[in-house]
């Protein structure tokens, strides 16, 4: 009986979109950003990916760049990142601001 409730609960969560395999800022950063910007936000000069650690942007500005892109910007962030919700972008932005 307990297993049935878990399965039903998981199905409802997935249907409603409240469960994500990578739902926290650190997890999202690791899967969506670290490949280019480094595990600790240090950037990767060889690929011209800037450091995010210590950015002067506030979290709302970071989230906006993730969800809307930077018009006239270079590289992959001239447009919005695919598959990132506003809430996920905010979580990523808060994590980026915590990097030291």
PDB file of N, CA and C in Angstrom:
ATOM      1  N   UNK A   1       0.821  -1.195   0.000  1.00  0.00           N
ATOM      2  CA  UNK A   1       0.000   0.000   0.000  1.00  0.00           C
ATOM      3  C   UNK A   1       0.862   1.255   0.000  1.00  0.00           C
ATOM      4  N   UNK A   2       1.918   1.249   0.837  1.00  0.00           N
ATOM      5  CA  UNK A   2       2.812   2.391   0.920  1.00  0.00           C
ATOM      6  C   UNK A   2       3.476   2.673  -0.434  1.00  0.00           C
ATOM      7  N   UNK A   3       3.878   1.617  -1.120  1.00  0.00           N
ATOM      8  CA  UNK A   3       4.513   1.744  -2.439  1.00  0.00           C
ATOM      9  C   UNK A   3       3.554   2.384  -3.435  1.00  0.00           C
ATOM     10  N   UNK A   4       2.278   2.035  -3.373  1.00  0.00           N
ATOM     11  CA  UNK A   4       1.273   2.607  -4.277  1.00  0.00           C
ATOM     12  C   UNK A   4       1.194   4.111  -4.093  1.00  0.00           C
ATOM     13  N   UNK A   5       1.199   4.585  -2.838  1.00  0.00           N
ATOM     14  CA  UNK A   5       1.151   6.024  -2.577  1.00  0.00           C
ATOM     15  C   UNK A   5       2.381   6.724  -3.139  1.00  0.00           C
ATOM     16  N   UNK A   6       3.535   6.107  -3.015  1.00  0.00           N
ATOM     17  CA  UNK A   6       4.759   6.701  -3.554  1.00  0.00           C
ATOM     18  C   UNK A   6       4.685   6.835  -5.067  1.00  0.00           C
ATOM     19  N   UNK A   7       4.205   5.799  -5.728  1.00  0.00           N
ATOM     20  CA  UNK A   7       4.098   5.817  -7.183  1.00  0.00           C
ATOM     21  C   UNK A   7       3.095   6.877  -7.627  1.00  0.00           C
ATOM     22  N   UNK A   8       1.957   6.930  -6.950  1.00  0.00           N
ATOM     23  CA  UNK A   8       0.936   7.928  -7.292  1.00  0.00           C
ATOM     24  C   UNK A   8       1.477   9.328  -7.018  1.00  0.00           C
ATOM     25  N   UNK A   9       2.136   9.509  -5.903  1.00  0.00           N
ATOM     26  CA  UNK A   9       2.710  10.814  -5.568  1.00  0.00           C
ATOM     27  C   UNK A   9       3.758  11.251  -6.576  1.00  0.00           C
ATOM     28  N   UNK A  10       4.617  10.341  -6.980  1.00  0.00           N
ATOM     29  CA  UNK A  10       5.632  10.651  -7.977  1.00  0.00           C
ATOM     30  C   UNK A  10       4.988  11.006  -9.305  1.00  0.00           C
ATOM     31  N   UNK A  11       3.973  10.253  -9.704  1.00  0.00           N
ATOM     32  CA  UNK A  11       3.285  10.532 -10.965  1.00  0.00           C
ATOM     33  C   UNK A  11       2.632  11.900 -10.937  1.00  0.00           C
ATOM     34  N   UNK A  12       1.999  12.251  -9.829  1.00  0.00           N
ATOM     35  CA  UNK A  12       1.382  13.574  -9.701  1.00  0.00           C
ATOM     36  C   UNK A  12       2.433  14.676  -9.728  1.00  0.00           C
ATOM     37  N   UNK A  13       3.522  14.473  -9.023  1.00  0.00           N
ATOM     38  CA  UNK A  13       4.590  15.475  -9.009  1.00  0.00           C
ATOM     39  C   UNK A  13       5.154  15.710 -10.395  1.00  0.00           C
ATOM     40  N   UNK A  14       5.383  14.635 -11.120  1.00  0.00           N
ATOM     41  CA  UNK A  14       5.910  14.769 -12.476  1.00  0.00           C
ATOM     42  C   UNK A  14       4.897  15.450 -13.389  1.00  0.00           C
ATOM     43  N   UNK A  15       3.643  15.105 -13.256  1.00  0.00           N
ATOM     44  CA  UNK A  15       2.603  15.695 -14.091  1.00  0.00           C
ATOM     45  C   UNK A  15       2.445  17.179 -13.809  1.00  0.00           C
ATOM     46  N   UNK A  16       2.607  17.564 -12.564  1.00  0.00           N
ATOM     47  CA  UNK A  16       2.449  18.969 -12.194  1.00  0.00           C
ATOM     48  C   UNK A  16       3.730  19.764 -12.371  1.00  0.00           C
ATOM     49  N   UNK A  17       4.815  19.087 -12.633  1.00  0.00           N
ATOM     50  CA  UNK A  17       6.080  19.770 -12.867  1.00  0.00           C
ATOM     51  C   UNK A  17       6.781  20.220 -11.606  1.00  0.00           C
ATOM     52  N   UNK A  18       6.374  19.730 -10.459  1.00  0.00           N
ATOM     53  CA  UNK A  18       6.993  20.182  -9.220  1.00  0.00           C
ATOM     54  C   UNK A  18       8.251  19.405  -8.875  1.00  0.00           C
ATOM     55  N   UNK A  19       8.507  18.322  -9.560  1.00  0.00           N
ATOM     56  CA  UNK A  19       9.701  17.533  -9.305  1.00  0.00           C
ATOM     57  C   UNK A  19      10.630  17.664 -10.502  1.00  0.00           C
ATOM     58  N   UNK A  20      11.873  17.919 -10.224  1.00  0.00           N
ATOM     59  CA  UNK A  20      12.861  18.028 -11.283  1.00  0.00           C
ATOM     60  C   UNK A  20      14.076  17.225 -10.869  1.00  0.00           C
ATOM     61  N   UNK A  21      14.699  16.584 -11.839  1.00  0.00           N
ATOM     62  CA  UNK A  21      15.892  15.793 -11.526  1.00  0.00           C
ATOM     63  C   UNK A  21      17.020  16.700 -11.052  1.00  0.00           C
ATOM     64  N   UNK A  22      17.058  17.918 -11.512  1.00  0.00           N
ATOM     65  CA  UNK A  22      18.058  18.879 -11.063  1.00  0.00           C
ATOM     66  C   UNK A  22      17.302  20.149 -10.708  1.00  0.00           C
ATOM     67  N   UNK A  23      16.916  20.290  -9.446  1.00  0.00           N
ATOM     68  CA  UNK A  23      16.030  21.384  -9.090  1.00  0.00           C
ATOM     69  C   UNK A  23      16.664  22.444  -8.210  1.00  0.00           C
ATOM     70  N   UNK A  24      17.845  22.213  -7.693  1.00  0.00           N
ATOM     71  CA  UNK A  24      18.468  23.225  -6.850  1.00  0.00           C
ATOM     72  C   UNK A  24      19.523  23.983  -7.640  1.00  0.00           C
ATOM     73  N   UNK A  25      19.856  25.159  -7.157  1.00  0.00           N
ATOM     74  CA  UNK A  25      20.860  25.978  -7.828  1.00  0.00           C
ATOM     75  C   UNK A  25      22.162  25.248  -8.104  1.00  0.00           C
ATOM     76  N   UNK A  26      22.769  24.618  -7.080  1.00  0.00           N
ATOM     77  CA  UNK A  26      24.027  23.910  -7.339  1.00  0.00           C
ATOM     78  C   UNK A  26      23.892  22.776  -8.360  1.00  0.00           C
ATOM     79  N   UNK A  27      22.794  22.015  -8.278  1.00  0.00           N
ATOM     80  CA  UNK A  27      22.593  20.919  -9.235  1.00  0.00           C
ATOM     81  C   UNK A  27      22.399  21.452 -10.651  1.00  0.00           C
ATOM     82  N   UNK A  28      21.591  22.487 -10.777  1.00  0.00           N
ATOM     83  CA  UNK A  28      21.353  23.085 -12.092  1.00  0.00           C
ATOM     84  C   UNK A  28      22.632  23.689 -12.649  1.00  0.00           C
ATOM     85  N   UNK A  29      23.378  24.385 -11.802  1.00  0.00           N
ATOM     86  CA  UNK A  29      24.637  24.974 -12.255  1.00  0.00           C
ATOM     87  C   UNK A  29      25.561  23.876 -12.782  1.00  0.00           C
ATOM     88  N   UNK A  30      25.658  22.796 -12.032  1.00  0.00           N
ATOM     89  CA  UNK A  30      26.543  21.699 -12.426  1.00  0.00           C
ATOM     90  C   UNK A  30      26.155  21.132 -13.790  1.00  0.00           C
ATOM     91  N   UNK A  31      24.859  20.952 -14.027  1.00  0.00           N
ATOM     92  CA  UNK A  31      24.420  20.330 -15.276  1.00  0.00           C
ATOM     93  C   UNK A  31      24.324  21.304 -16.441  1.00  0.00           C
ATOM     94  N   UNK A  32      24.048  22.569 -16.171  1.00  0.00           N
ATOM     95  CA  UNK A  32      23.791  23.523 -17.252  1.00  0.00           C
ATOM     96  C   UNK A  32      24.910  24.530 -17.495  1.00  0.00           C
ATOM     97  N   UNK A  33      25.748  24.803 -16.496  1.00  0.00           N
ATOM     98  CA  UNK A  33      26.697  25.917 -16.598  1.00  0.00           C
ATOM     99  C   UNK A  33      28.170  25.530 -16.433  1.00  0.00           C
ATOM    100  N   UNK A  34      28.426  24.568 -15.561  1.00  0.00           N
ATOM    101  CA  UNK A  34      29.808  24.238 -15.200  1.00  0.00           C
ATOM    102  C   UNK A  34      30.655  23.789 -16.378  1.00  0.00           C
ATOM    103  N   UNK A  35      30.049  23.165 -17.364  1.00  0.00           N
ATOM    104  CA  UNK A  35      30.806  22.702 -18.524  1.00  0.00           C
ATOM    105  C   UNK A  35      31.573  23.825 -19.203  1.00  0.00           C
ATOM    106  N   UNK A  36      31.010  25.002 -19.220  1.00  0.00           N
ATOM    107  CA  UNK A  36      31.667  26.155 -19.851  1.00  0.00           C
ATOM    108  C   UNK A  36      32.314  27.087 -18.829  1.00  0.00           C
ATOM    109  N   UNK A  37      31.616  27.328 -17.718  1.00  0.00           N
ATOM    110  CA  UNK A  37      32.072  28.343 -16.775  1.00  0.00           C
ATOM    111  C   UNK A  37      32.882  27.787 -15.610  1.00  0.00           C
ATOM    112  N   UNK A  38      33.113  26.478 -15.595  1.00  0.00           N
ATOM    113  CA  UNK A  38      33.927  25.860 -14.556  1.00  0.00           C
ATOM    114  C   UNK A  38      33.109  25.447 -13.347  1.00  0.00           C
ATOM    115  N   UNK A  39      33.594  24.439 -12.663  1.00  0.00           N
ATOM    116  CA  UNK A  39      32.888  23.868 -11.513  1.00  0.00           C
ATOM    117  C   UNK A  39      32.681  24.878 -10.393  1.00  0.00           C
ATOM    118  N   UNK A  40      33.599  25.818 -10.258  1.00  0.00           N
ATOM    119  CA  UNK A  40      33.504  26.824  -9.197  1.00  0.00           C
ATOM    120  C   UNK A  40      33.247  28.215  -9.751  1.00  0.00           C
ATOM    121  N   UNK A  41      32.832  28.295 -10.998  1.00  0.00           N
ATOM    122  CA  UNK A  41      32.553  29.587 -11.610  1.00  0.00           C
ATOM    123  C   UNK A  41      33.789  30.368 -11.994  1.00  0.00           C
ATOM    124  N   UNK A  42      34.922  29.660 -12.106  1.00  0.00           N
ATOM    125  CA  UNK A  42      36.194  30.315 -12.381  1.00  0.00           C
ATOM    126  C   UNK A  42      36.367  30.722 -13.843  1.00  0.00           C
ATOM    127  N   UNK A  43      35.485  30.240 -14.704  1.00  0.00           N
ATOM    128  CA  UNK A  43      35.588  30.544 -16.129  1.00  0.00           C
ATOM    129  C   UNK A  43      36.599  29.639 -16.806  1.00  0.00           C
ATOM    130  N   UNK A  44      36.596  29.685 -18.123  1.00  0.00           N
ATOM    131  CA  UNK A  44      37.548  28.899 -18.909  1.00  0.00           C
ATOM    132  C   UNK A  44      38.083  29.781 -20.034  1.00  0.00           C
ATOM    133  N   UNK A  45      39.211  30.442 -19.789  1.00  0.00           N
ATOM    134  CA  UNK A  45      39.769  31.356 -20.786  1.00  0.00           C
ATOM    135  C   UNK A  45      40.020  30.715 -22.150  1.00  0.00           C
ATOM    136  N   UNK A  46      40.399  29.448 -22.176  1.00  0.00           N
ATOM    137  CA  UNK A  46      40.685  28.779 -23.448  1.00  0.00           C
ATOM    138  C   UNK A  46      39.464  28.757 -24.362  1.00  0.00           C
ATOM    139  N   UNK A  47      38.268  28.711 -23.768  1.00  0.00           N
ATOM    140  CA  UNK A  47      37.044  28.709 -24.569  1.00  0.00           C
ATOM    141  C   UNK A  47      36.327  30.054 -24.519  1.00  0.00           C
ATOM    142  N   UNK A  48      36.984  31.043 -23.931  1.00  0.00           N
ATOM    143  CA  UNK A  48      36.455  32.405 -23.787  1.00  0.00           C
ATOM    144  C   UNK A  48      35.165  32.455 -22.959  1.00  0.00           C
ATOM    145  N   UNK A  49      34.999  31.494 -22.069  1.00  0.00           N
ATOM    146  CA  UNK A  49      33.852  31.499 -21.155  1.00  0.00           C
ATOM    147  C   UNK A  49      34.261  32.291 -19.917  1.00  0.00           C
ATOM    148  N   UNK A  50      33.590  33.382 -19.635  1.00  0.00           N
ATOM    149  CA  UNK A  50      34.002  34.237 -18.516  1.00  0.00           C
ATOM    150  C   UNK A  50      33.732  33.616 -17.152  1.00  0.00           C
ATOM    151  N   UNK A  51      34.465  34.103 -16.181  1.00  0.00           N
ATOM    152  CA  UNK A  51      34.224  33.697 -14.798  1.00  0.00           C
ATOM    153  C   UNK A  51      32.880  34.265 -14.352  1.00  0.00           C
ATOM    154  N   UNK A  52      32.153  33.495 -13.591  1.00  0.00           N
ATOM    155  CA  UNK A  52      30.894  33.956 -13.013  1.00  0.00           C
ATOM    156  C   UNK A  52      31.068  34.280 -11.535  1.00  0.00           C
ATOM    157  N   UNK A  53      32.068  33.657 -10.922  1.00  0.00           N
ATOM    158  CA  UNK A  53      32.368  33.921  -9.517  1.00  0.00           C
ATOM    159  C   UNK A  53      32.757  35.389  -9.376  1.00  0.00           C
ATOM    160  N   UNK A  54      32.108  36.078  -8.455  1.00  0.00           N
ATOM    161  CA  UNK A  54      32.427  37.476  -8.217  1.00  0.00           C
ATOM    162  C   UNK A  54      31.775  38.439  -9.204  1.00  0.00           C
ATOM    163  N   UNK A  55      30.791  37.975  -9.973  1.00  0.00           N
ATOM    164  CA  UNK A  55      30.140  38.848 -10.932  1.00  0.00           C
ATOM    165  C   UNK A  55      29.528  40.064 -10.242  1.00  0.00           C
ATOM    166  N   UNK A  56      29.546  41.186 -10.920  1.00  0.00           N
ATOM    167  CA  UNK A  56      28.943  42.398 -10.369  1.00  0.00           C
ATOM    168  C   UNK A  56      27.436  42.454 -10.623  1.00  0.00           C
ATOM    169  N   UNK A  57      26.936  41.523 -11.425  1.00  0.00           N
ATOM    170  CA  UNK A  57      25.499  41.478 -11.691  1.00  0.00           C
ATOM    171  C   UNK A  57      24.753  40.998 -10.449  1.00  0.00           C
ATOM    172  N   UNK A  58      23.562  41.538 -10.221  1.00  0.00           N
ATOM    173  CA  UNK A  58      22.762  41.023  -9.113  1.00  0.00           C
ATOM    174  C   UNK A  58      21.996  39.785  -9.604  1.00  0.00           C
ATOM    175  N   UNK A  59      21.446  38.999  -8.682  1.00  0.00           N
ATOM    176  CA  UNK A  59      20.785  37.754  -9.084  1.00  0.00           C
ATOM    177  C   UNK A  59      19.691  37.938 -10.138  1.00  0.00           C
ATOM    178  N   UNK A  60      18.924  39.006 -10.066  1.00  0.00           N
ATOM    179  CA  UNK A  60      17.865  39.204 -11.064  1.00  0.00           C
ATOM    180  C   UNK A  60      18.449  39.454 -12.447  1.00  0.00           C
ATOM    181  N   UNK A  61      19.587  40.133 -12.519  1.00  0.00           N
ATOM    182  CA  UNK A  61      20.245  40.354 -13.811  1.00  0.00           C
ATOM    183  C   UNK A  61      20.801  39.046 -14.383  1.00  0.00           C
ATOM    184  N   UNK A  62      21.366  38.220 -13.519  1.00  0.00           N
ATOM    185  CA  UNK A  62      21.881  36.927 -13.959  1.00  0.00           C
ATOM    186  C   UNK A  62      20.729  36.070 -14.475  1.00  0.00           C
ATOM    187  N   UNK A  63      19.638  36.010 -13.715  1.00  0.00           N
ATOM    188  CA  UNK A  63      18.475  35.219 -14.118  1.00  0.00           C
ATOM    189  C   UNK A  63      17.913  35.722 -15.444  1.00  0.00           C
ATOM    190  N   UNK A  64      17.893  37.022 -15.636  1.00  0.00           N
ATOM    191  CA  UNK A  64      17.379  37.578 -16.892  1.00  0.00           C
ATOM    192  C   UNK A  64      18.258  37.186 -18.075  1.00  0.00           C
ATOM    193  N   UNK A  65      19.555  37.183 -17.887  1.00  0.00           N
ATOM    194  CA  UNK A  65      20.457  36.759 -18.969  1.00  0.00           C
ATOM    195  C   UNK A  65      20.261  35.292 -19.306  1.00  0.00           C
ATOM    196  N   UNK A  66      19.948  34.495 -18.293  1.00  0.00           N
ATOM    197  CA  UNK A  66      19.711  33.070 -18.535  1.00  0.00           C
ATOM    198  C   UNK A  66      18.409  32.875 -19.307  1.00  0.00           C
ATOM    199  N   UNK A  67      17.367  33.577 -18.898  1.00  0.00           N
ATOM    200  CA  UNK A  67      16.047  33.349 -19.496  1.00  0.00           C
ATOM    201  C   UNK A  67      15.780  34.144 -20.764  1.00  0.00           C
ATOM    202  N   UNK A  68      16.473  35.279 -20.938  1.00  0.00           N
ATOM    203  CA  UNK A  68      16.195  36.117 -22.106  1.00  0.00           C
ATOM    204  C   UNK A  68      17.397  36.316 -23.014  1.00  0.00           C
ATOM    205  N   UNK A  69      18.572  36.022 -22.504  1.00  0.00           N
ATOM    206  CA  UNK A  69      19.775  36.239 -23.287  1.00  0.00           C
ATOM    207  C   UNK A  69      20.244  37.681 -23.174  1.00  0.00           C
ATOM    208  N   UNK A  70      21.306  37.975 -23.896  1.00  0.00           N
ATOM    209  CA  UNK A  70      21.859  39.320 -23.921  1.00  0.00           C
ATOM    210  C   UNK A  70      21.856  39.786 -25.367  1.00  0.00           C
ATOM    211  N   UNK A  71      20.875  40.601 -25.744  1.00  0.00           N
ATOM    212  CA  UNK A  71      20.827  41.070 -27.133  1.00  0.00           C
ATOM    213  C   UNK A  71      22.146  41.734 -27.515  1.00  0.00           C
ATOM    214  N   UNK A  72      22.670  41.337 -28.647  1.00  0.00           N
ATOM    215  CA  UNK A  72      23.947  41.873 -29.103  1.00  0.00           C
ATOM    216  C   UNK A  72      25.139  41.220 -28.444  1.00  0.00           C
ATOM    217  N   UNK A  73      24.887  40.292 -27.530  1.00  0.00           N
ATOM    218  CA  UNK A  73      25.968  39.588 -26.861  1.00  0.00           C
ATOM    219  C   UNK A  73      26.596  38.549 -27.770  1.00  0.00           C
ATOM    220  N   UNK A  74      27.713  38.039 -27.331  1.00  0.00           N
ATOM    221  CA  UNK A  74      28.420  37.025 -28.117  1.00  0.00           C
ATOM    222  C   UNK A  74      28.134  35.646 -27.533  1.00  0.00           C
ATOM    223  N   UNK A  75      28.359  34.657 -28.354  1.00  0.00           N
ATOM    224  CA  UNK A  75      28.304  33.280 -27.890  1.00  0.00           C
ATOM    225  C   UNK A  75      26.909  32.785 -27.585  1.00  0.00           C
ATOM    226  N   UNK A  76      26.869  31.737 -26.803  1.00  0.00           N
ATOM    227  CA  UNK A  76      25.596  31.050 -26.588  1.00  0.00           C
ATOM    228  C   UNK A  76      24.578  31.854 -25.784  1.00  0.00           C
ATOM    229  N   UNK A  77      25.008  32.886 -25.087  1.00  0.00           N
ATOM    230  CA  UNK A  77      24.065  33.624 -24.248  1.00  0.00           C
ATOM    231  C   UNK A  77      23.519  34.877 -24.912  1.00  0.00           C
ATOM    232  N   UNK A  78      23.648  34.962 -26.223  1.00  0.00           N
ATOM    233  CA  UNK A  78      22.988  36.062 -26.920  1.00  0.00           C
ATOM    234  C   UNK A  78      21.488  35.791 -26.979  1.00  0.00           C
ATOM    235  N   UNK A  79      21.107  34.541 -26.738  1.00  0.00           N
ATOM    236  CA  UNK A  79      19.702  34.125 -26.685  1.00  0.00           C
ATOM    237  C   UNK A  79      19.456  33.394 -25.370  1.00  0.00           C
ATOM    238  N   UNK A  80      18.194  33.178 -25.064  1.00  0.00           N
ATOM    239  CA  UNK A  80      17.832  32.459 -23.839  1.00  0.00           C
ATOM    240  C   UNK A  80      18.359  31.031 -23.874  1.00  0.00           C
ATOM    241  N   UNK A  81      18.664  30.498 -22.702  1.00  0.00           N
ATOM    242  CA  UNK A  81      19.059  29.097 -22.599  1.00  0.00           C
ATOM    243  C   UNK A  81      17.812  28.241 -22.717  1.00  0.00           C
ATOM    244  N   UNK A  82      17.874  27.211 -23.503  1.00  0.00           N
ATOM    245  CA  UNK A  82      16.737  26.299 -23.680  1.00  0.00           C
ATOM    246  C   UNK A  82      16.539  25.432 -22.446  1.00  0.00           C
ATOM    247  N   UNK A  83      15.289  25.177 -22.132  1.00  0.00           N
ATOM    248  CA  UNK A  83      14.965  24.223 -21.081  1.00  0.00           C
ATOM    249  C   UNK A  83      15.152  24.717 -19.665  1.00  0.00           C
ATOM    250  N   UNK A  84      15.251  26.025 -19.467  1.00  0.00           N
ATOM    251  CA  UNK A  84      15.421  26.586 -18.128  1.00  0.00           C
ATOM    252  C   UNK A  84      14.202  27.449 -17.812  1.00  0.00           C
ATOM    253  N   UNK A  85      13.525  27.145 -16.720  1.00  0.00           N
ATOM    254  CA  UNK A  85      12.387  27.958 -16.302  1.00  0.00           C
ATOM    255  C   UNK A  85      12.892  29.195 -15.548  1.00  0.00           C
ATOM    256  N   UNK A  86      12.000  30.133 -15.320  1.00  0.00           N
ATOM    257  CA  UNK A  86      12.387  31.324 -14.557  1.00  0.00           C
ATOM    258  C   UNK A  86      12.802  30.962 -13.139  1.00  0.00           C
ATOM    259  N   UNK A  87      12.091  30.037 -12.514  1.00  0.00           N
ATOM    260  CA  UNK A  87      12.450  29.616 -11.157  1.00  0.00           C
ATOM    261  C   UNK A  87      13.819  28.938 -11.129  1.00  0.00           C
ATOM    262  N   UNK A  88      14.098  28.127 -12.135  1.00  0.00           N
ATOM    263  CA  UNK A  88      15.408  27.483 -12.206  1.00  0.00           C
ATOM    264  C   UNK A  88      16.503  28.527 -12.436  1.00  0.00           C
ATOM    265  N   UNK A  89      16.227  29.510 -13.292  1.00  0.00           N
ATOM    266  CA  UNK A  89      17.204  30.572 -13.543  1.00  0.00           C
ATOM    267  C   UNK A  89      17.498  31.348 -12.264  1.00  0.00           C
ATOM    268  N   UNK A  90      16.470  31.601 -11.467  1.00  0.00           N
ATOM    269  CA  UNK A  90      16.668  32.300 -10.196  1.00  0.00           C
ATOM    270  C   UNK A  90      17.523  31.464  -9.251  1.00  0.00           C
ATOM    271  N   UNK A  91      17.288  30.156  -9.227  1.00  0.00           N
ATOM    272  CA  UNK A  91      18.076  29.262  -8.365  1.00  0.00           C
ATOM    273  C   UNK A  91      19.543  29.253  -8.796  1.00  0.00           C
ATOM    274  N   UNK A  92      19.776  29.211 -10.107  1.00  0.00           N
ATOM    275  CA  UNK A  92      21.137  29.251 -10.636  1.00  0.00           C
ATOM    276  C   UNK A  92      21.790  30.574 -10.272  1.00  0.00           C
ATOM    277  N   UNK A  93      21.057  31.671 -10.453  1.00  0.00           N
ATOM    278  CA  UNK A  93      21.595  33.006 -10.166  1.00  0.00           C
ATOM    279  C   UNK A  93      21.984  33.158  -8.692  1.00  0.00           C
ATOM    280  N   UNK A  94      21.139  32.673  -7.812  1.00  0.00           N
ATOM    281  CA  UNK A  94      21.452  32.743  -6.380  1.00  0.00           C
ATOM    282  C   UNK A  94      22.700  31.916  -6.067  1.00  0.00           C
ATOM    283  N   UNK A  95      22.813  30.769  -6.700  1.00  0.00           N
ATOM    284  CA  UNK A  95      24.009  29.951  -6.480  1.00  0.00           C
ATOM    285  C   UNK A  95      25.257  30.664  -7.002  1.00  0.00           C
ATOM    286  N   UNK A  96      25.165  31.237  -8.172  1.00  0.00           N
ATOM    287  CA  UNK A  96      26.313  31.955  -8.745  1.00  0.00           C
ATOM    288  C   UNK A  96      26.760  33.075  -7.798  1.00  0.00           C
ATOM    289  N   UNK A  97      25.800  33.800  -7.233  1.00  0.00           N
ATOM    290  CA  UNK A  97      26.148  34.892  -6.314  1.00  0.00           C
ATOM    291  C   UNK A  97      26.785  34.374  -5.034  1.00  0.00           C
ATOM    292  N   UNK A  98      26.567  33.102  -4.704  1.00  0.00           N
ATOM    293  CA  UNK A  98      27.162  32.552  -3.481  1.00  0.00           C
ATOM    294  C   UNK A  98      28.594  32.073  -3.703  1.00  0.00           C
ATOM    295  N   UNK A  99      29.016  31.959  -4.958  1.00  0.00           N
ATOM    296  CA  UNK A  99      30.364  31.456  -5.246  1.00  0.00           C
ATOM    297  C   UNK A  99      31.408  32.464  -4.758  1.00  0.00           C
ATOM    298  N   UNK A 100      32.437  31.935  -4.111  1.00  0.00           N
ATOM    299  CA  UNK A 100      33.498  32.821  -3.620  1.00  0.00           C
ATOM    300  C   UNK A 100      34.855  32.269  -3.921  1.00  0.00           C
TER     301      UNK A 100
END
